[in-house]
């Protein structure tokens, strides 16, 4: 089960059918969010558990190996603790966080981020910021070299077929690898996924 596959339109059932890894994370985040902002309404959109005020405020994506938290006007929010994932802003106002352990969550900072998002949504005098086109993410040299290799022609073709935003997901992920062994593992995983025509979120699909 990947985080993009539709499961249900019922918030309660959505929680019950989350992947084993992210289910306890999702349950705790839902409890926190509704305690911090009890007036938020729950709904399911794009297989995300979304929280709304006047409009969509934020949402949770329950994946196999992490829980994603999306703020729909994230580019307009203060983030002094750098909670947002680099490169997650897209060509929209959306910005995201990833949670793999509750121990690593800066609860106070996340609470302030949610409060700011709700306050922004509640103020009808502040229109959403206009979309800002991002600068292209640089292609890591080791990935460029791999795609140029004869044995990786299928992977190169698969990468070329992806939309710029889908390409960027791979490029950011590869660029964030610091250790040589991590870089090698991610490169191998990326090439295999691209040969199979899979996007980044589906890269581990069987």
C-alpha atoms as a PDB file:
ATOM      1  CA  UNK A   1       0.000   0.000   0.000  1.00  0.00           C
ATOM      2  CA  UNK A   2       1.494   3.355  -0.971  1.00  0.00           C
ATOM      3  CA  UNK A   3       0.445   6.754   0.332  1.00  0.00           C
ATOM      4  CA  UNK A   4      -1.223   7.752  -2.947  1.00  0.00           C
ATOM      5  CA  UNK A   5      -3.597   4.789  -3.266  1.00  0.00           C
ATOM      6  CA  UNK A   6      -7.222   5.576  -2.426  1.00  0.00           C
ATOM      7  CA  UNK A   7      -8.581   3.531   0.472  1.00  0.00           C
ATOM      8  CA  UNK A   8     -11.717   5.220   1.825  1.00  0.00           C
ATOM      9  CA  UNK A   9     -13.555   8.515   2.192  1.00  0.00           C
ATOM     10  CA  UNK A  10     -14.230   7.979   5.891  1.00  0.00           C
ATOM     11  CA  UNK A  11     -11.668   9.595   8.278  1.00  0.00           C
ATOM     12  CA  UNK A  12     -12.085   6.891  10.922  1.00  0.00           C
ATOM     13  CA  UNK A  13     -11.649   4.070   8.434  1.00  0.00           C
ATOM     14  CA  UNK A  14      -8.719   5.917   6.880  1.00  0.00           C
ATOM     15  CA  UNK A  15      -6.901   5.784  10.220  1.00  0.00           C
ATOM     16  CA  UNK A  16      -7.694   2.105  10.682  1.00  0.00           C
ATOM     17  CA  UNK A  17      -6.326   1.206   7.252  1.00  0.00           C
ATOM     18  CA  UNK A  18      -3.043   3.132   7.449  1.00  0.00           C
ATOM     19  CA  UNK A  19       0.158   1.114   6.944  1.00  0.00           C
ATOM     20  CA  UNK A  20       1.441  -0.490  10.135  1.00  0.00           C
ATOM     21  CA  UNK A  21       4.423   1.851  10.393  1.00  0.00           C
ATOM     22  CA  UNK A  22       2.580   5.131   9.986  1.00  0.00           C
ATOM     23  CA  UNK A  23      -0.702   4.249  11.720  1.00  0.00           C
ATOM     24  CA  UNK A  24       0.430   5.078  15.291  1.00  0.00           C
ATOM     25  CA  UNK A  25       2.053   8.263  14.000  1.00  0.00           C
ATOM     26  CA  UNK A  26      -1.167   9.288  12.261  1.00  0.00           C
ATOM     27  CA  UNK A  27      -3.299   8.509  15.308  1.00  0.00           C
ATOM     28  CA  UNK A  28      -1.115  10.645  17.540  1.00  0.00           C
ATOM     29  CA  UNK A  29      -0.973  13.550  15.096  1.00  0.00           C
ATOM     30  CA  UNK A  30      -4.769  13.514  14.704  1.00  0.00           C
ATOM     31  CA  UNK A  31      -5.153  13.622  18.482  1.00  0.00           C
ATOM     32  CA  UNK A  32      -2.718  16.519  18.754  1.00  0.00           C
ATOM     33  CA  UNK A  33      -4.252  18.502  15.902  1.00  0.00           C
ATOM     34  CA  UNK A  34      -7.807  18.180  17.188  1.00  0.00           C
ATOM     35  CA  UNK A  35      -6.718  19.072  20.720  1.00  0.00           C
ATOM     36  CA  UNK A  36      -4.788  22.098  19.498  1.00  0.00           C
ATOM     37  CA  UNK A  37      -7.437  23.244  17.016  1.00  0.00           C
ATOM     38  CA  UNK A  38     -10.749  21.555  17.910  1.00  0.00           C
ATOM     39  CA  UNK A  39     -12.765  23.513  15.338  1.00  0.00           C
ATOM     40  CA  UNK A  40     -11.014  21.899  12.390  1.00  0.00           C
ATOM     41  CA  UNK A  41     -13.149  19.597  10.247  1.00  0.00           C
ATOM     42  CA  UNK A  42     -11.851  16.261   8.933  1.00  0.00           C
ATOM     43  CA  UNK A  43     -12.277  14.919   5.410  1.00  0.00           C
ATOM     44  CA  UNK A  44     -10.480  12.676   2.929  1.00  0.00           C
ATOM     45  CA  UNK A  45      -9.033  14.192  -0.254  1.00  0.00           C
ATOM     46  CA  UNK A  46      -6.347  12.670  -2.507  1.00  0.00           C
ATOM     47  CA  UNK A  47      -6.150   9.839   0.081  1.00  0.00           C
ATOM     48  CA  UNK A  48      -5.008  12.381   2.657  1.00  0.00           C
ATOM     49  CA  UNK A  49      -6.739  12.979   5.969  1.00  0.00           C
ATOM     50  CA  UNK A  50      -7.362  16.710   5.596  1.00  0.00           C
ATOM     51  CA  UNK A  51      -8.186  19.336   8.199  1.00  0.00           C
ATOM     52  CA  UNK A  52     -10.208  22.369   7.152  1.00  0.00           C
ATOM     53  CA  UNK A  53     -11.374  25.684   8.518  1.00  0.00           C
ATOM     54  CA  UNK A  54     -12.741  28.043   5.878  1.00  0.00           C
ATOM     55  CA  UNK A  55     -10.649  26.086   3.400  1.00  0.00           C
ATOM     56  CA  UNK A  56      -8.069  23.315   3.520  1.00  0.00           C
ATOM     57  CA  UNK A  57      -5.441  23.952   6.199  1.00  0.00           C
ATOM     58  CA  UNK A  58      -3.304  20.800   6.345  1.00  0.00           C
ATOM     59  CA  UNK A  59      -3.376  17.076   5.694  1.00  0.00           C
ATOM     60  CA  UNK A  60      -1.752  13.782   6.652  1.00  0.00           C
ATOM     61  CA  UNK A  61      -0.380  11.189   4.214  1.00  0.00           C
ATOM     62  CA  UNK A  62       0.182   7.756   5.752  1.00  0.00           C
ATOM     63  CA  UNK A  63       2.954   5.957   3.841  1.00  0.00           C
ATOM     64  CA  UNK A  64       4.830   2.717   4.357  1.00  0.00           C
ATOM     65  CA  UNK A  65       7.899   4.297   5.924  1.00  0.00           C
ATOM     66  CA  UNK A  66       6.844   7.774   7.062  1.00  0.00           C
ATOM     67  CA  UNK A  67       3.934  10.064   7.823  1.00  0.00           C
ATOM     68  CA  UNK A  68       3.673  13.158   5.660  1.00  0.00           C
ATOM     69  CA  UNK A  69       2.201  16.418   6.956  1.00  0.00           C
ATOM     70  CA  UNK A  70       1.160  18.896   4.287  1.00  0.00           C
ATOM     71  CA  UNK A  71       0.319  22.559   4.875  1.00  0.00           C
ATOM     72  CA  UNK A  72      -1.629  23.915   1.926  1.00  0.00           C
ATOM     73  CA  UNK A  73      -0.439  27.517   2.425  1.00  0.00           C
ATOM     74  CA  UNK A  74       2.915  26.503   3.802  1.00  0.00           C
ATOM     75  CA  UNK A  75       4.986  29.042   1.886  1.00  0.00           C
ATOM     76  CA  UNK A  76       3.148  31.787   3.780  1.00  0.00           C
ATOM     77  CA  UNK A  77       3.872  30.351   7.228  1.00  0.00           C
ATOM     78  CA  UNK A  78       6.791  31.173   9.528  1.00  0.00           C
ATOM     79  CA  UNK A  79       9.097  28.196  10.028  1.00  0.00           C
ATOM     80  CA  UNK A  80      11.845  29.329  12.433  1.00  0.00           C
ATOM     81  CA  UNK A  81      12.655  25.741  13.445  1.00  0.00           C
ATOM     82  CA  UNK A  82      13.005  24.565   9.814  1.00  0.00           C
ATOM     83  CA  UNK A  83      10.394  21.847  10.091  1.00  0.00           C
ATOM     84  CA  UNK A  84       9.580  21.815   6.393  1.00  0.00           C
ATOM     85  CA  UNK A  85      11.332  19.378   4.068  1.00  0.00           C
ATOM     86  CA  UNK A  86      13.677  21.254   1.681  1.00  0.00           C
ATOM     87  CA  UNK A  87      12.281  21.393  -1.823  1.00  0.00           C
ATOM     88  CA  UNK A  88       8.732  20.509  -0.749  1.00  0.00           C
ATOM     89  CA  UNK A  89       7.154  23.782  -1.815  1.00  0.00           C
ATOM     90  CA  UNK A  90       6.458  22.826  -5.433  1.00  0.00           C
ATOM     91  CA  UNK A  91       4.953  25.386  -7.816  1.00  0.00           C
ATOM     92  CA  UNK A  92       2.191  25.936  -5.269  1.00  0.00           C
ATOM     93  CA  UNK A  93       1.946  27.219  -1.717  1.00  0.00           C
ATOM     94  CA  UNK A  94       2.200  23.685  -0.343  1.00  0.00           C
ATOM     95  CA  UNK A  95       5.011  22.726   2.004  1.00  0.00           C
ATOM     96  CA  UNK A  96       5.490  19.433   3.814  1.00  0.00           C
ATOM     97  CA  UNK A  97       7.059  17.681   6.787  1.00  0.00           C
ATOM     98  CA  UNK A  98       7.985  14.038   7.247  1.00  0.00           C
ATOM     99  CA  UNK A  99       7.648  12.136  10.491  1.00  0.00           C
ATOM    100  CA  UNK A 100       9.323   8.790  11.114  1.00  0.00           C
ATOM    101  CA  UNK A 101       9.358   8.894  14.917  1.00  0.00           C
ATOM    102  CA  UNK A 102       7.285  10.795  17.464  1.00  0.00           C
ATOM    103  CA  UNK A 103      10.459  11.260  19.492  1.00  0.00           C
ATOM    104  CA  UNK A 104      11.853  13.443  16.720  1.00  0.00           C
ATOM    105  CA  UNK A 105       8.811  15.717  16.487  1.00  0.00           C
ATOM    106  CA  UNK A 106       9.303  19.230  17.819  1.00  0.00           C
ATOM    107  CA  UNK A 107       5.823  19.309  19.304  1.00  0.00           C
ATOM    108  CA  UNK A 108       5.886  22.971  20.364  1.00  0.00           C
ATOM    109  CA  UNK A 109       7.078  24.135  16.946  1.00  0.00           C
ATOM    110  CA  UNK A 110       4.510  21.971  15.143  1.00  0.00           C
ATOM    111  CA  UNK A 111       1.757  23.355  17.356  1.00  0.00           C
ATOM    112  CA  UNK A 112       2.788  26.921  16.546  1.00  0.00           C
ATOM    113  CA  UNK A 113       2.884  26.050  12.845  1.00  0.00           C
ATOM    114  CA  UNK A 114      -0.661  24.673  13.008  1.00  0.00           C
ATOM    115  CA  UNK A 115      -1.911  27.702  14.945  1.00  0.00           C
ATOM    116  CA  UNK A 116      -0.373  30.006  12.335  1.00  0.00           C
ATOM    117  CA  UNK A 117      -1.952  27.999   9.500  1.00  0.00           C
ATOM    118  CA  UNK A 118      -5.390  28.133  11.120  1.00  0.00           C
ATOM    119  CA  UNK A 119      -5.097  31.869  11.782  1.00  0.00           C
ATOM    120  CA  UNK A 120      -4.058  32.470   8.170  1.00  0.00           C
ATOM    121  CA  UNK A 121      -6.985  30.441   6.874  1.00  0.00           C
ATOM    122  CA  UNK A 122      -9.423  32.247   9.180  1.00  0.00           C
ATOM    123  CA  UNK A 123      -8.511  35.709   7.868  1.00  0.00           C
ATOM    124  CA  UNK A 124     -10.479  36.388   4.662  1.00  0.00           C
ATOM    125  CA  UNK A 125      -8.540  39.615   4.066  1.00  0.00           C
ATOM    126  CA  UNK A 126      -5.333  37.704   3.278  1.00  0.00           C
ATOM    127  CA  UNK A 127      -5.566  36.095  -0.163  1.00  0.00           C
ATOM    128  CA  UNK A 128      -3.351  33.102  -0.958  1.00  0.00           C
ATOM    129  CA  UNK A 129       0.076  34.071  -2.191  1.00  0.00           C
ATOM    130  CA  UNK A 130       0.535  33.825  -5.967  1.00  0.00           C
ATOM    131  CA  UNK A 131       2.287  30.761  -7.272  1.00  0.00           C
ATOM    132  CA  UNK A 132       6.012  31.237  -7.666  1.00  0.00           C
ATOM    133  CA  UNK A 133       7.851  29.192 -10.239  1.00  0.00           C
ATOM    134  CA  UNK A 134      10.775  27.382  -8.665  1.00  0.00           C
ATOM    135  CA  UNK A 135      14.250  27.278 -10.019  1.00  0.00           C
ATOM    136  CA  UNK A 136      15.042  23.818 -11.429  1.00  0.00           C
ATOM    137  CA  UNK A 137      16.698  21.516  -8.909  1.00  0.00           C
ATOM    138  CA  UNK A 138      20.256  20.727 -10.060  1.00  0.00           C
ATOM    139  CA  UNK A 139      20.901  17.199 -11.274  1.00  0.00           C
ATOM    140  CA  UNK A 140      23.509  15.564  -9.012  1.00  0.00           C
ATOM    141  CA  UNK A 141      26.608  14.751 -11.104  1.00  0.00           C
ATOM    142  CA  UNK A 142      26.593  11.083 -10.054  1.00  0.00           C
ATOM    143  CA  UNK A 143      22.976  10.741 -11.228  1.00  0.00           C
ATOM    144  CA  UNK A 144      23.665  12.512 -14.515  1.00  0.00           C
ATOM    145  CA  UNK A 145      26.599  10.176 -15.115  1.00  0.00           C
ATOM    146  CA  UNK A 146      24.469   7.126 -14.324  1.00  0.00           C
ATOM    147  CA  UNK A 147      21.708   8.174 -16.730  1.00  0.00           C
ATOM    148  CA  UNK A 148      24.274   8.641 -19.499  1.00  0.00           C
ATOM    149  CA  UNK A 149      25.459   5.046 -19.157  1.00  0.00           C
ATOM    150  CA  UNK A 150      24.384   2.687 -21.941  1.00  0.00           C
ATOM    151  CA  UNK A 151      22.907   0.144 -19.541  1.00  0.00           C
ATOM    152  CA  UNK A 152      20.647   2.811 -18.043  1.00  0.00           C
ATOM    153  CA  UNK A 153      18.946   3.998 -21.229  1.00  0.00           C
ATOM    154  CA  UNK A 154      15.559   2.728 -20.037  1.00  0.00           C
ATOM    155  CA  UNK A 155      15.945   4.574 -16.740  1.00  0.00           C
ATOM    156  CA  UNK A 156      16.954   7.759 -18.560  1.00  0.00           C
ATOM    157  CA  UNK A 157      13.895   7.459 -20.793  1.00  0.00           C
ATOM    158  CA  UNK A 158      11.700   6.900 -17.737  1.00  0.00           C
ATOM    159  CA  UNK A 159      13.117   9.976 -16.049  1.00  0.00           C
ATOM    160  CA  UNK A 160      12.565  12.094 -19.160  1.00  0.00           C
ATOM    161  CA  UNK A 161       8.885  11.093 -19.277  1.00  0.00           C
ATOM    162  CA  UNK A 162       8.232  12.355 -15.741  1.00  0.00           C
ATOM    163  CA  UNK A 163       6.782  15.786 -15.126  1.00  0.00           C
ATOM    164  CA  UNK A 164       9.202  18.411 -13.753  1.00  0.00           C
ATOM    165  CA  UNK A 165       7.665  18.101 -10.276  1.00  0.00           C
ATOM    166  CA  UNK A 166       8.054  14.306 -10.301  1.00  0.00           C
ATOM    167  CA  UNK A 167      11.640  14.616 -11.546  1.00  0.00           C
ATOM    168  CA  UNK A 168      12.330  17.052  -8.733  1.00  0.00           C
ATOM    169  CA  UNK A 169      11.226  14.525  -6.102  1.00  0.00           C
ATOM    170  CA  UNK A 170      13.926  12.121  -7.274  1.00  0.00           C
ATOM    171  CA  UNK A 171      16.547  14.869  -7.551  1.00  0.00           C
ATOM    172  CA  UNK A 172      15.902  16.199  -4.056  1.00  0.00           C
ATOM    173  CA  UNK A 173      15.960  12.706  -2.563  1.00  0.00           C
ATOM    174  CA  UNK A 174      19.224  11.825  -4.300  1.00  0.00           C
ATOM    175  CA  UNK A 175      20.816  15.150  -3.370  1.00  0.00           C
ATOM    176  CA  UNK A 176      19.979  14.702   0.315  1.00  0.00           C
ATOM    177  CA  UNK A 177      22.079  11.522   0.539  1.00  0.00           C
ATOM    178  CA  UNK A 178      25.262  12.421   2.420  1.00  0.00           C
ATOM    179  CA  UNK A 179      27.018   9.091   2.923  1.00  0.00           C
ATOM    180  CA  UNK A 180      28.419   7.203  -0.090  1.00  0.00           C
ATOM    181  CA  UNK A 181      26.543   4.036   0.853  1.00  0.00           C
ATOM    182  CA  UNK A 182      23.258   5.945   1.136  1.00  0.00           C
ATOM    183  CA  UNK A 183      23.880   7.620  -2.199  1.00  0.00           C
ATOM    184  CA  UNK A 184      24.643   4.282  -3.866  1.00  0.00           C
ATOM    185  CA  UNK A 185      21.535   2.648  -2.411  1.00  0.00           C
ATOM    186  CA  UNK A 186      19.276   5.507  -3.477  1.00  0.00           C
ATOM    187  CA  UNK A 187      20.799   5.610  -6.938  1.00  0.00           C
ATOM    188  CA  UNK A 188      20.211   1.884  -7.462  1.00  0.00           C
ATOM    189  CA  UNK A 189      16.646   2.201  -6.179  1.00  0.00           C
ATOM    190  CA  UNK A 190      16.021   5.200  -8.414  1.00  0.00           C
ATOM    191  CA  UNK A 191      17.321   3.539 -11.557  1.00  0.00           C
ATOM    192  CA  UNK A 192      15.235   0.426 -10.919  1.00  0.00           C
ATOM    193  CA  UNK A 193      12.107   2.493 -10.314  1.00  0.00           C
ATOM    194  CA  UNK A 194      12.644   4.612 -13.406  1.00  0.00           C
ATOM    195  CA  UNK A 195      13.151   1.544 -15.574  1.00  0.00           C
ATOM    196  CA  UNK A 196       9.763   0.349 -14.318  1.00  0.00           C
ATOM    197  CA  UNK A 197       8.160   3.731 -14.990  1.00  0.00           C
ATOM    198  CA  UNK A 198       7.461   4.506 -11.340  1.00  0.00           C
ATOM    199  CA  UNK A 199       7.285   7.889  -9.645  1.00  0.00           C
ATOM    200  CA  UNK A 200       9.266   8.605  -6.486  1.00  0.00           C
ATOM    201  CA  UNK A 201       6.361   7.834  -4.127  1.00  0.00           C
ATOM    202  CA  UNK A 202       5.909   4.460  -5.876  1.00  0.00           C
ATOM    203  CA  UNK A 203       9.582   3.577  -6.136  1.00  0.00           C
ATOM    204  CA  UNK A 204       9.367   0.597  -3.746  1.00  0.00           C
ATOM    205  CA  UNK A 205       6.240  -0.891  -5.318  1.00  0.00           C
ATOM    206  CA  UNK A 206       6.515  -4.578  -6.101  1.00  0.00           C
END
